[in-house]
C-alpha atoms as a PDB file:
ATOM      1  CA  MET A   1       0.146  -0.318  -0.370  1.00  0.00           C
ATOM      2  CA  ALA A   2       1.476   3.719  -0.647  1.00  0.00           C
ATOM      3  CA  ALA A   3       2.115   6.353   2.223  1.00  0.00           C
ATOM      4  CA  PRO A   4       0.046   8.864   2.558  1.00  0.00           C
ATOM      5  CA  THR A   5       1.145  12.069   0.334  1.00  0.00           C
ATOM      6  CA  ALA A   6       1.586  13.482   3.724  1.00  0.00           C
ATOM      7  CA  GLU A   7       4.026  11.485   5.066  1.00  0.00           C
ATOM      8  CA  ARG A   8       6.647  12.180   2.033  1.00  0.00           C
ATOM      9  CA  ILE A   9       9.443  14.872   2.613  1.00  0.00           C
ATOM     10  CA  TYR A  10       9.389  17.822  -0.381  1.00  0.00           C
ATOM     11  CA  ASP A  11      12.264  20.479  -0.457  1.00  0.00           C
ATOM     12  CA  TYR A  12      12.227  23.279   0.435  1.00  0.00           C
ATOM     13  CA  GLY A  13      12.270  26.201  -2.463  1.00  0.00           C
ATOM     14  CA  GLU A  14       9.357  27.615  -4.518  1.00  0.00           C
ATOM     15  CA  VAL A  15       8.648  26.778  -7.669  1.00  0.00           C
ATOM     16  CA  ALA A  16       8.197  30.400  -9.496  1.00  0.00           C
ATOM     17  CA  PRO A  17       9.018  32.114 -12.448  1.00  0.00           C
ATOM     18  CA  TYR A  18      12.396  34.028 -12.859  1.00  0.00           C
ATOM     19  CA  ALA A  19      14.193  36.363 -15.283  1.00  0.00           C
ATOM     20  CA  PRO A  20      15.429  34.856 -18.550  1.00  0.00           C
ATOM     21  CA  ASP A  21      18.885  35.839 -17.842  1.00  0.00           C
ATOM     22  CA  LEU A  22      19.362  35.159 -14.626  1.00  0.00           C
ATOM     23  CA  TYR A  23      21.502  32.517 -15.633  1.00  0.00           C
ATOM     24  CA  HIS A  24      23.122  33.721 -18.632  1.00  0.00           C
ATOM     25  CA  TYR A  25      26.673  32.666 -19.161  1.00  0.00           C
ATOM     26  CA  ASP A  26      29.518  34.357 -21.084  1.00  0.00           C
ATOM     27  CA  GLN A  27      31.752  31.630 -20.989  1.00  0.00           C
ATOM     28  CA  ILE A  28      31.985  28.066 -20.857  1.00  0.00           C
ATOM     29  CA  ALA A  29      34.617  26.037 -18.629  1.00  0.00           C
ATOM     30  CA  THR A  30      38.034  24.831 -20.554  1.00  0.00           C
ATOM     31  CA  ASP A  31      40.889  24.680 -18.257  1.00  0.00           C
ATOM     32  CA  GLY A  32      39.904  21.187 -16.713  1.00  0.00           C
ATOM     33  CA  VAL A  33      42.335  18.849 -15.591  1.00  0.00           C
ATOM     34  CA  ASN A  34      42.247  15.116 -16.010  1.00  0.00           C
ATOM     35  CA  GLY A  35      42.048  13.438 -13.449  1.00  0.00           C
ATOM     36  CA  PHE A  36      42.644  13.831  -9.547  1.00  0.00           C
ATOM     37  CA  GLU A  37      46.460  12.759 -10.397  1.00  0.00           C
ATOM     38  CA  ASN A  38      46.777  15.376 -12.436  1.00  0.00           C
ATOM     39  CA  ILE A  39      45.769  18.572  -9.974  1.00  0.00           C
ATOM     40  CA  THR A  40      49.185  20.536 -10.480  1.00  0.00           C
ATOM     41  CA  ASP A  41      50.373  23.403  -7.749  1.00  0.00           C
ATOM     42  CA  ALA A  42      48.974  25.799 -10.770  1.00  0.00           C
ATOM     43  CA  ALA A  43      45.985  24.162 -10.739  1.00  0.00           C
ATOM     44  CA  ILE A  44      45.695  24.109  -7.101  1.00  0.00           C
ATOM     45  CA  ALA A  45      46.281  28.277  -7.316  1.00  0.00           C
ATOM     46  CA  ARG A  46      43.774  28.514 -10.029  1.00  0.00           C
ATOM     47  CA  PHE A  47      41.878  27.474  -7.938  1.00  0.00           C
ATOM     48  CA  ASP A  48      42.536  29.491  -4.876  1.00  0.00           C
ATOM     49  CA  GLN A  49      41.813  32.645  -7.831  1.00  0.00           C
ATOM     50  CA  GLN A  50      39.123  31.850  -9.074  1.00  0.00           C
ATOM     51  CA  GLY A  51      37.332  29.790  -6.668  1.00  0.00           C
ATOM     52  CA  TYR A  52      36.644  26.263  -8.503  1.00  0.00           C
ATOM     53  CA  LEU A  53      38.224  23.829 -10.393  1.00  0.00           C
ATOM     54  CA  VAL A  54      36.885  21.469 -12.849  1.00  0.00           C
ATOM     55  CA  VAL A  55      38.459  17.470 -12.664  1.00  0.00           C
ATOM     56  CA  ASN A  56      37.521  15.661 -16.197  1.00  0.00           C
ATOM     57  CA  ASN A  57      37.470  12.045 -15.785  1.00  0.00           C
ATOM     58  CA  ALA A  58      37.330  11.993 -11.995  1.00  0.00           C
ATOM     59  CA  PHE A  59      35.754   8.719 -11.463  1.00  0.00           C
ATOM     60  CA  THR A  60      36.177   5.577 -14.008  1.00  0.00           C
ATOM     61  CA  LEU A  61      32.460   4.976 -15.500  1.00  0.00           C
ATOM     62  CA  ASP A  62      31.990   1.872 -13.349  1.00  0.00           C
ATOM     63  CA  GLU A  63      31.999   3.992 -10.785  1.00  0.00           C
ATOM     64  CA  THR A  64      29.856   6.576 -11.508  1.00  0.00           C
ATOM     65  CA  HIS A  65      27.024   3.716 -12.845  1.00  0.00           C
ATOM     66  CA  ALA A  66      27.983   2.363  -9.251  1.00  0.00           C
ATOM     67  CA  ALA A  67      26.810   5.764  -7.315  1.00  0.00           C
ATOM     68  CA  LEU A  68      23.127   5.399  -9.747  1.00  0.00           C
ATOM     69  CA  ASP A  69      23.070   2.445  -8.962  1.00  0.00           C
ATOM     70  CA  GLY A  70      23.025   3.068  -4.927  1.00  0.00           C
ATOM     71  CA  LEU A  71      20.717   5.766  -5.468  1.00  0.00           C
ATOM     72  CA  LEU A  72      18.192   3.741  -6.970  1.00  0.00           C
ATOM     73  CA  HIS A  73      18.492   1.349  -4.508  1.00  0.00           C
ATOM     74  CA  LEU A  74      17.815   4.217  -2.114  1.00  0.00           C
ATOM     75  CA  ILE A  75      14.579   5.336  -3.861  1.00  0.00           C
ATOM     76  CA  SER A  76      13.116   1.857  -3.750  1.00  0.00           C
ATOM     77  CA  GLY A  77      12.622   2.076   0.121  1.00  0.00           C
ATOM     78  CA  GLN A  78      14.035  -1.400   1.183  1.00  0.00           C
ATOM     79  CA  VAL A  79      17.123   0.698   2.748  1.00  0.00           C
ATOM     80  CA  ASP A  80      16.193   0.300   6.948  1.00  0.00           C
ATOM     81  CA  GLY A  81      16.199   3.341   8.305  1.00  0.00           C
ATOM     82  CA  PHE A  82      16.848   5.423   5.443  1.00  0.00           C
ATOM     83  CA  LYS A  83      14.223   8.618   5.354  1.00  0.00           C
ATOM     84  CA  GLY A  84      16.496  11.117   3.625  1.00  0.00           C
ATOM     85  CA  VAL A  85      14.445  11.443  -0.155  1.00  0.00           C
ATOM     86  CA  MET A  86      12.879  14.632  -0.483  1.00  0.00           C
ATOM     87  CA  TYR A  87      10.214  15.264  -3.792  1.00  0.00           C
ATOM     88  CA  GLU A  88       9.765  17.716  -6.068  1.00  0.00           C
ATOM     89  CA  HIS A  89       6.471  19.860  -5.980  1.00  0.00           C
ATOM     90  CA  ALA A  90       5.115  18.041  -8.990  1.00  0.00           C
ATOM     91  CA  ALA A  91       4.951  14.622  -7.041  1.00  0.00           C
ATOM     92  CA  ALA A  92       2.083  16.440  -4.960  1.00  0.00           C
ATOM     93  CA  GLY A  93      -0.602  14.024  -5.572  1.00  0.00           C
ATOM     94  CA  LEU A  94       0.967  11.123  -7.249  1.00  0.00           C
ATOM     95  CA  PRO A  95       1.486   7.319  -6.450  1.00  0.00           C
ATOM     96  CA  VAL A  96       5.168   7.843  -6.150  1.00  0.00           C
ATOM     97  CA  GLU A  97       5.227   5.253  -3.730  1.00  0.00           C
ATOM     98  CA  GLU A  98       4.034   2.539  -6.000  1.00  0.00           C
ATOM     99  CA  MET A  99       6.275   3.544  -8.910  1.00  0.00           C
ATOM    100  CA  ALA A 100       9.244   1.352  -9.574  1.00  0.00           C
ATOM    101  CA  PRO A 101      12.859   3.040  -8.754  1.00  0.00           C
ATOM    102  CA  GLU A 102      13.440   4.040 -12.664  1.00  0.00           C
ATOM    103  CA  GLN A 103       9.796   5.761 -12.838  1.00  0.00           C
ATOM    104  CA  LYS A 104      10.145   7.214  -9.318  1.00  0.00           C
ATOM    105  CA  GLN A 105      13.520   9.301  -9.500  1.00  0.00           C
ATOM    106  CA  ASP A 106      11.893  11.731 -11.993  1.00  0.00           C
ATOM    107  CA  TYR A 107       9.737  13.454  -9.054  1.00  0.00           C
ATOM    108  CA  VAL A 108      12.601  13.434  -6.322  1.00  0.00           C
ATOM    109  CA  ARG A 109      14.446  16.349  -6.144  1.00  0.00           C
ATOM    110  CA  LYS A 110      17.260  15.338  -3.722  1.00  0.00           C
ATOM    111  CA  PHE A 111      18.510  12.997  -1.136  1.00  0.00           C
ATOM    112  CA  MET A 112      20.111  13.925   2.330  1.00  0.00           C
ATOM    113  CA  TRP A 113      22.689  12.501   4.214  1.00  0.00           C
ATOM    114  CA  PHE A 114      22.777   9.255   2.308  1.00  0.00           C
ATOM    115  CA  GLU A 115      26.609   8.000   2.201  1.00  0.00           C
ATOM    116  CA  LYS A 116      25.973   5.362   5.426  1.00  0.00           C
ATOM    117  CA  TYR A 117      23.371   3.794   4.054  1.00  0.00           C
ATOM    118  CA  ASP A 118      25.213   2.774   1.197  1.00  0.00           C
ATOM    119  CA  GLU A 119      28.664   1.197   0.357  1.00  0.00           C
ATOM    120  CA  ARG A 120      29.199   2.164  -3.025  1.00  0.00           C
ATOM    121  CA  LEU A 121      28.076   5.847  -2.495  1.00  0.00           C
ATOM    122  CA  HIS A 122      30.458   5.831   0.886  1.00  0.00           C
ATOM    123  CA  ARG A 123      33.382   5.324  -1.508  1.00  0.00           C
ATOM    124  CA  MET A 124      32.981   7.957  -3.845  1.00  0.00           C
ATOM    125  CA  ALA A 125      32.364  10.143  -0.660  1.00  0.00           C
ATOM    126  CA  HIS A 126      35.502   8.402   0.494  1.00  0.00           C
ATOM    127  CA  HIS A 127      37.800   8.367  -2.541  1.00  0.00           C
ATOM    128  CA  PRO A 128      41.632   8.089  -1.582  1.00  0.00           C
ATOM    129  CA  ARG A 129      42.290  10.239  -4.722  1.00  0.00           C
ATOM    130  CA  LEU A 130      39.008  12.960  -4.211  1.00  0.00           C
ATOM    131  CA  LEU A 131      40.499  12.817  -0.471  1.00  0.00           C
ATOM    132  CA  ALA A 132      43.790  13.256  -1.668  1.00  0.00           C
ATOM    133  CA  ALA A 133      43.073  16.565  -3.535  1.00  0.00           C
ATOM    134  CA  LEU A 134      41.473  18.389  -0.965  1.00  0.00           C
ATOM    135  CA  GLU A 135      43.603  18.315   1.903  1.00  0.00           C
ATOM    136  CA  ARG A 136      46.257  19.730  -0.949  1.00  0.00           C
ATOM    137  CA  ILE A 137      43.358  22.512  -1.335  1.00  0.00           C
ATOM    138  CA  ILE A 138      41.980  22.537   2.268  1.00  0.00           C
ATOM    139  CA  GLY A 139      45.466  22.824   3.647  1.00  0.00           C
ATOM    140  CA  ASP A 140      44.124  19.946   6.574  1.00  0.00           C
ATOM    141  CA  THR A 141      42.616  16.580   6.823  1.00  0.00           C
ATOM    142  CA  PRO A 142      39.131  16.580   4.610  1.00  0.00           C
ATOM    143  CA  PHE A 143      36.666  16.056   7.154  1.00  0.00           C
ATOM    144  CA  LEU A 144      33.402  14.648   5.098  1.00  0.00           C
ATOM    145  CA  PHE A 145      30.274  17.309   6.629  1.00  0.00           C
ATOM    146  CA  GLN A 146      27.493  16.859   4.411  1.00  0.00           C
ATOM    147  CA  ASP A 147      26.597  14.768   1.517  1.00  0.00           C
ATOM    148  CA  MET A 148      23.537  15.074  -0.483  1.00  0.00           C
ATOM    149  CA  ALA A 149      22.188  13.957  -3.774  1.00  0.00           C
ATOM    150  CA  LEU A 150      20.696  16.387  -6.418  1.00  0.00           C
ATOM    151  CA  LEU A 151      18.295  15.394  -9.068  1.00  0.00           C
ATOM    152  CA  LYS A 152      16.965  18.312 -11.561  1.00  0.00           C
ATOM    153  CA  PRO A 153      14.772  15.233 -13.274  1.00  0.00           C
ATOM    154  CA  PRO A 154      13.354  16.076 -17.259  1.00  0.00           C
ATOM    155  CA  HIS A 155      10.657  19.126 -17.177  1.00  0.00           C
ATOM    156  CA  ILE A 156      10.243  19.295 -14.466  1.00  0.00           C
ATOM    157  CA  GLY A 157      13.651  19.992 -12.155  1.00  0.00           C
ATOM    158  CA  ARG A 158      13.229  23.474 -10.859  1.00  0.00           C
ATOM    159  CA  GLU A 159      15.940  26.039 -10.195  1.00  0.00           C
ATOM    160  CA  LYS A 160      18.456  26.057  -8.011  1.00  0.00           C
ATOM    161  CA  PRO A 161      19.103  30.134  -7.776  1.00  0.00           C
ATOM    162  CA  TRP A 162      22.494  32.211  -6.703  1.00  0.00           C
ATOM    163  CA  HIS A 163      23.488  31.150  -3.477  1.00  0.00           C
ATOM    164  CA  GLN A 164      26.688  30.791  -1.173  1.00  0.00           C
ATOM    165  CA  ASP A 165      27.282  27.346  -0.050  1.00  0.00           C
ATOM    166  CA  HIS A 166      28.302  28.567   3.578  1.00  0.00           C
ATOM    167  CA  ALA A 167      25.257  30.592   4.127  1.00  0.00           C
ATOM    168  CA  TYR A 168      23.721  27.089   5.366  1.00  0.00           C
ATOM    169  CA  PHE A 169      26.777  26.046   7.589  1.00  0.00           C
ATOM    170  CA  GLU A 170      27.380  26.931  11.328  1.00  0.00           C
ATOM    171  CA  LEU A 171      31.647  27.270  10.485  1.00  0.00           C
ATOM    172  CA  PRO A 172      33.780  29.865  10.085  1.00  0.00           C
ATOM    173  CA  LEU A 173      34.287  31.941   7.224  1.00  0.00           C
ATOM    174  CA  ASN A 174      38.032  31.958   7.285  1.00  0.00           C
ATOM    175  CA  ALA A 175      37.448  27.621   7.052  1.00  0.00           C
ATOM    176  CA  ARG A 176      38.107  26.671   3.790  1.00  0.00           C
ATOM    177  CA  VAL A 177      35.433  24.562   2.949  1.00  0.00           C
ATOM    178  CA  VAL A 178      35.405  23.112  -0.217  1.00  0.00           C
ATOM    179  CA  GLY A 179      32.313  21.396  -2.339  1.00  0.00           C
ATOM    180  CA  CYS A 180      32.467  18.528  -4.370  1.00  0.00           C
ATOM    181  CA  TRP A 181      29.887  18.198  -7.284  1.00  0.00           C
ATOM    182  CA  ILE A 182      30.098  14.751  -9.286  1.00  0.00           C
ATOM    183  CA  ALA A 183      28.139  13.595 -12.458  1.00  0.00           C
ATOM    184  CA  LEU A 184      25.973  10.591 -12.807  1.00  0.00           C
ATOM    185  CA  ASP A 185      24.566  11.951 -16.253  1.00  0.00           C
ATOM    186  CA  GLU A 186      26.494  14.139 -18.460  1.00  0.00           C
ATOM    187  CA  ALA A 187      25.412  17.846 -17.120  1.00  0.00           C
ATOM    188  CA  THR A 188      24.744  20.230 -20.392  1.00  0.00           C
ATOM    189  CA  THR A 189      23.474  23.854 -20.443  1.00  0.00           C
ATOM    190  CA  GLU A 190      20.441  22.458 -21.552  1.00  0.00           C
ATOM    191  CA  ASN A 191      19.380  20.610 -18.194  1.00  0.00           C
ATOM    192  CA  GLY A 192      20.810  22.599 -15.818  1.00  0.00           C
ATOM    193  CA  CYS A 193      24.276  22.203 -15.439  1.00  0.00           C
ATOM    194  CA  MET A 194      26.317  24.261 -12.760  1.00  0.00           C
ATOM    195  CA  ILE A 195      26.816  27.675 -13.562  1.00  0.00           C
ATOM    196  CA  VAL A 196      29.624  30.200 -11.156  1.00  0.00           C
ATOM    197  CA  ILE A 197      31.142  33.350 -11.009  1.00  0.00           C
ATOM    198  CA  PRO A 198      34.424  33.090 -11.204  1.00  0.00           C
ATOM    199  CA  ALA A 199      36.611  35.170  -7.612  1.00  0.00           C
ATOM    200  CA  THR A 200      33.189  36.550  -6.012  1.00  0.00           C
ATOM    201  CA  HIS A 201      34.355  33.948  -3.103  1.00  0.00           C
ATOM    202  CA  ARG A 202      36.988  36.653  -2.671  1.00  0.00           C
ATOM    203  CA  GLN A 203      34.318  39.106  -1.836  1.00  0.00           C
ATOM    204  CA  GLY A 204      33.080  37.636   0.907  1.00  0.00           C
ATOM    205  CA  PRO A 205      29.679  36.508   2.601  1.00  0.00           C
ATOM    206  CA  VAL A 206      26.662  38.007   0.893  1.00  0.00           C
ATOM    207  CA  VAL A 207      22.754  38.248   2.755  1.00  0.00           C
ATOM    208  CA  HIS A 208      20.335  35.883   1.528  1.00  0.00           C
ATOM    209  CA  PHE A 209      16.932  36.197   1.344  1.00  0.00           C
ATOM    210  CA  LYS A 210      13.868  33.609   1.715  1.00  0.00           C
ATOM    211  CA  ARG A 211      12.261  33.936  -1.686  1.00  0.00           C
ATOM    212  CA  ARG A 212      12.340  30.918  -4.117  1.00  0.00           C
ATOM    213  CA  ASP A 213      14.760  29.249  -2.287  1.00  0.00           C
ATOM    214  CA  TRP A 214      17.161  30.792   0.716  1.00  0.00           C
ATOM    215  CA  GLN A 215      19.110  32.396  -2.084  1.00  0.00           C
ATOM    216  CA  ILE A 216      21.437  36.127  -3.525  1.00  0.00           C
ATOM    217  CA  CYS A 217      18.804  38.365  -3.918  1.00  0.00           C
ATOM    218  CA  ASP A 218      18.413  38.279  -7.744  1.00  0.00           C
ATOM    219  CA  THR A 219      19.308  41.439  -8.247  1.00  0.00           C
ATOM    220  CA  HIS A 220      22.422  41.342  -6.321  1.00  0.00           C
ATOM    221  CA  VAL A 221      23.485  38.958  -8.817  1.00  0.00           C
ATOM    222  CA  GLN A 222      26.316  39.930 -10.757  1.00  0.00           C
ATOM    223  CA  ASN A 223      26.736  38.707 -13.498  1.00  0.00           C
ATOM    224  CA  GLN A 224      29.407  39.281 -15.312  1.00  0.00           C
ATOM    225  CA  GLY A 225      31.967  36.927 -16.768  1.00  0.00           C
ATOM    226  CA  VAL A 226      29.781  34.216 -15.710  1.00  0.00           C
ATOM    227  CA  THR A 227      30.670  30.959 -16.522  1.00  0.00           C
ATOM    228  CA  ALA A 228      28.842  27.637 -16.820  1.00  0.00           C
ATOM    229  CA  ILE A 229      30.456  24.181 -16.272  1.00  0.00           C
ATOM    230  CA  PRO A 230      29.134  21.132 -18.433  1.00  0.00           C
ATOM    231  CA  LEU A 231      30.553  17.653 -17.386  1.00  0.00           C
ATOM    232  CA  LYS A 232      30.855  13.825 -18.455  1.00  0.00           C
ATOM    233  CA  PRO A 233      29.416  11.461 -16.193  1.00  0.00           C
ATOM    234  CA  GLY A 234      32.151  11.328 -13.554  1.00  0.00           C
ATOM    235  CA  GLY A 235      33.693  14.691 -13.893  1.00  0.00           C
ATOM    236  CA  CYS A 236      33.561  16.511 -10.360  1.00  0.00           C
ATOM    237  CA  LEU A 237      33.596  20.051  -9.697  1.00  0.00           C
ATOM    238  CA  LEU A 238      35.247  21.167  -6.540  1.00  0.00           C
ATOM    239  CA  PHE A 239      34.572  24.933  -5.416  1.00  0.00           C
ATOM    240  CA  SER A 240      35.081  26.992  -2.599  1.00  0.00           C
ATOM    241  CA  SER A 241      31.724  27.043  -0.231  1.00  0.00           C
ATOM    242  CA  LEU A 242      31.824  31.183  -0.718  1.00  0.00           C
ATOM    243  CA  ILE A 243      31.484  31.358  -4.176  1.00  0.00           C
ATOM    244  CA  HIS A 244      28.596  32.392  -5.979  1.00  0.00           C
ATOM    245  CA  HIS A 245      26.780  29.551  -8.223  1.00  0.00           C
ATOM    246  CA  GLY A 246      23.041  28.393  -9.159  1.00  0.00           C
ATOM    247  CA  THR A 247      21.542  25.977 -11.770  1.00  0.00           C
ATOM    248  CA  PRO A 248      18.326  26.598 -14.023  1.00  0.00           C
ATOM    249  CA  THR A 249      15.610  25.044 -14.289  1.00  0.00           C
ATOM    250  CA  ASN A 250      15.682  21.329 -16.849  1.00  0.00           C
ATOM    251  CA  ASN A 251      13.190  22.263 -19.342  1.00  0.00           C
ATOM    252  CA  SER A 252      14.994  19.376 -21.763  1.00  0.00           C
ATOM    253  CA  GLY A 253      14.052  15.770 -21.400  1.00  0.00           C
ATOM    254  CA  LEU A 254      17.626  14.933 -20.030  1.00  0.00           C
ATOM    255  CA  ARG A 255      18.164  13.656 -16.376  1.00  0.00           C
ATOM    256  CA  ARG A 256      20.643  15.103 -15.101  1.00  0.00           C
ATOM    257  CA  ARG A 257      21.677  13.210 -11.521  1.00  0.00           C
ATOM    258  CA  ALA A 258      24.662  14.415  -9.779  1.00  0.00           C
ATOM    259  CA  VAL A 259      26.122  14.062  -5.938  1.00  0.00           C
ATOM    260  CA  GLN A 260      27.420  16.567  -4.007  1.00  0.00           C
ATOM    261  CA  PHE A 261      29.626  16.555  -0.730  1.00  0.00           C
ATOM    262  CA  HIS A 262      31.210  19.178   1.734  1.00  0.00           C
ATOM    263  CA  TYR A 263      34.357  18.965   3.312  1.00  0.00           C
ATOM    264  CA  ARG A 264      35.579  21.017   5.690  1.00  0.00           C
ATOM    265  CA  PRO A 265      39.406  21.135   7.921  1.00  0.00           C
ATOM    266  CA  ALA A 266      39.124  18.324  10.299  1.00  0.00           C
ATOM    267  CA  SER A 267      40.389  21.151  12.968  1.00  0.00           C
ATOM    268  CA  ALA A 268      37.371  23.832  12.250  1.00  0.00           C
ATOM    269  CA  PRO A 269      35.038  24.203  15.051  1.00  0.00           C
ATOM    270  CA  LYS A 270      31.623  24.877  14.831  1.00  0.00           C
ATOM    271  CA  THR A 271      30.227  28.270  15.253  1.00  0.00           C
ATOM    272  CA  SER A 272      26.205  28.950  16.301  1.00  0.00           C
ATOM    273  CA  VAL A 273      23.214  29.595  13.985  1.00  0.00           C
ATOM    274  CA  GLU A 274      23.143  32.873  15.481  1.00  0.00           C
ATOM    275  CA  GLU A 275      26.601  33.544  14.102  1.00  0.00           C
ATOM    276  CA  ARG A 276      25.278  32.530  10.914  1.00  0.00           C
ATOM    277  CA  LEU A 277      22.469  34.219  10.530  1.00  0.00           C
ATOM    278  CA  ALA A 278      24.043  37.519  11.688  1.00  0.00           C
ATOM    279  CA  ILE A 279      26.396  37.441   8.880  1.00  0.00           C
ATOM    280  CA  PHE A 280      23.856  35.946   5.695  1.00  0.00           C
ATOM    281  CA  GLY A 281      20.847  36.948   7.664  1.00  0.00           C
ATOM    282  CA  GLU A 282      18.061  36.845   9.579  1.00  0.00           C
ATOM    283  CA  GLU A 283      15.909  34.881   7.093  1.00  0.00           C
ATOM    284  CA  GLY A 284      17.945  31.583   7.063  1.00  0.00           C
ATOM    285  CA  LYS A 285      17.051  29.606  10.523  1.00  0.00           C
ATOM    286  CA  ASP A 286      16.182  25.989   9.258  1.00  0.00           C
ATOM    287  CA  VAL A 287      17.005  25.934   5.802  1.00  0.00           C
ATOM    288  CA  THR A 288      18.743  22.841   4.462  1.00  0.00           C
ATOM    289  CA  CYS A 289      21.319  23.799   1.182  1.00  0.00           C
END
């Protein structure tokens, strides 16, 4: 029997129109490295300057397919204790609990807190080459403190407005927090690849507001020099938690599935919700990335 719709968790945020040029980009990233083992000191210096680093072929297709299999297993409802699935609003009123995982995934917005429930996803989050690269970038032992999968289903996968990830975290501003966004499908400019504004991490924190999501106000987005970052499956984007970034709506007929992990320095202390709100805006008390 299908679970009552009321038991579902719907991801925070509203489905609402936005200006057609909000995610206009001026260029496509072409300066990536091929594999974690080819991250040079110059590439790390580029990360420091630009706030991001593209790593093509970071994971093999076998590793990528295994991660997808792990997500579909989690969505099947057969994993005891896992309750981290959040749906798109378009799932309201539909019998998604009765659907097979292959169909159900096209109504899922994101997964949260899953890596301890699936060994395949755990291996990806703790991959030795990834952790070695992160240690060089962070300058400390990397500590995984957030894991999520971001599904942007065909036609209904809504945007993630411009924001800074650090606005969600109770961590000091000087902590080198790094996001790791891994494409499980080909991420394109048509289906909602990541879009960043290079070097904005060097400007410091920006006040966020609860509008369509917990976001930088549309009118405050300085979208000059915006860079789109399409990725092949297994490609990875490493990015600063202070860089301005977002993803547009997926209006295409193609899936755009990805996992995202956040790592902090192991030595970084926790701060308080009150300190975070004082920096990023008082409307963000209960938001999740």
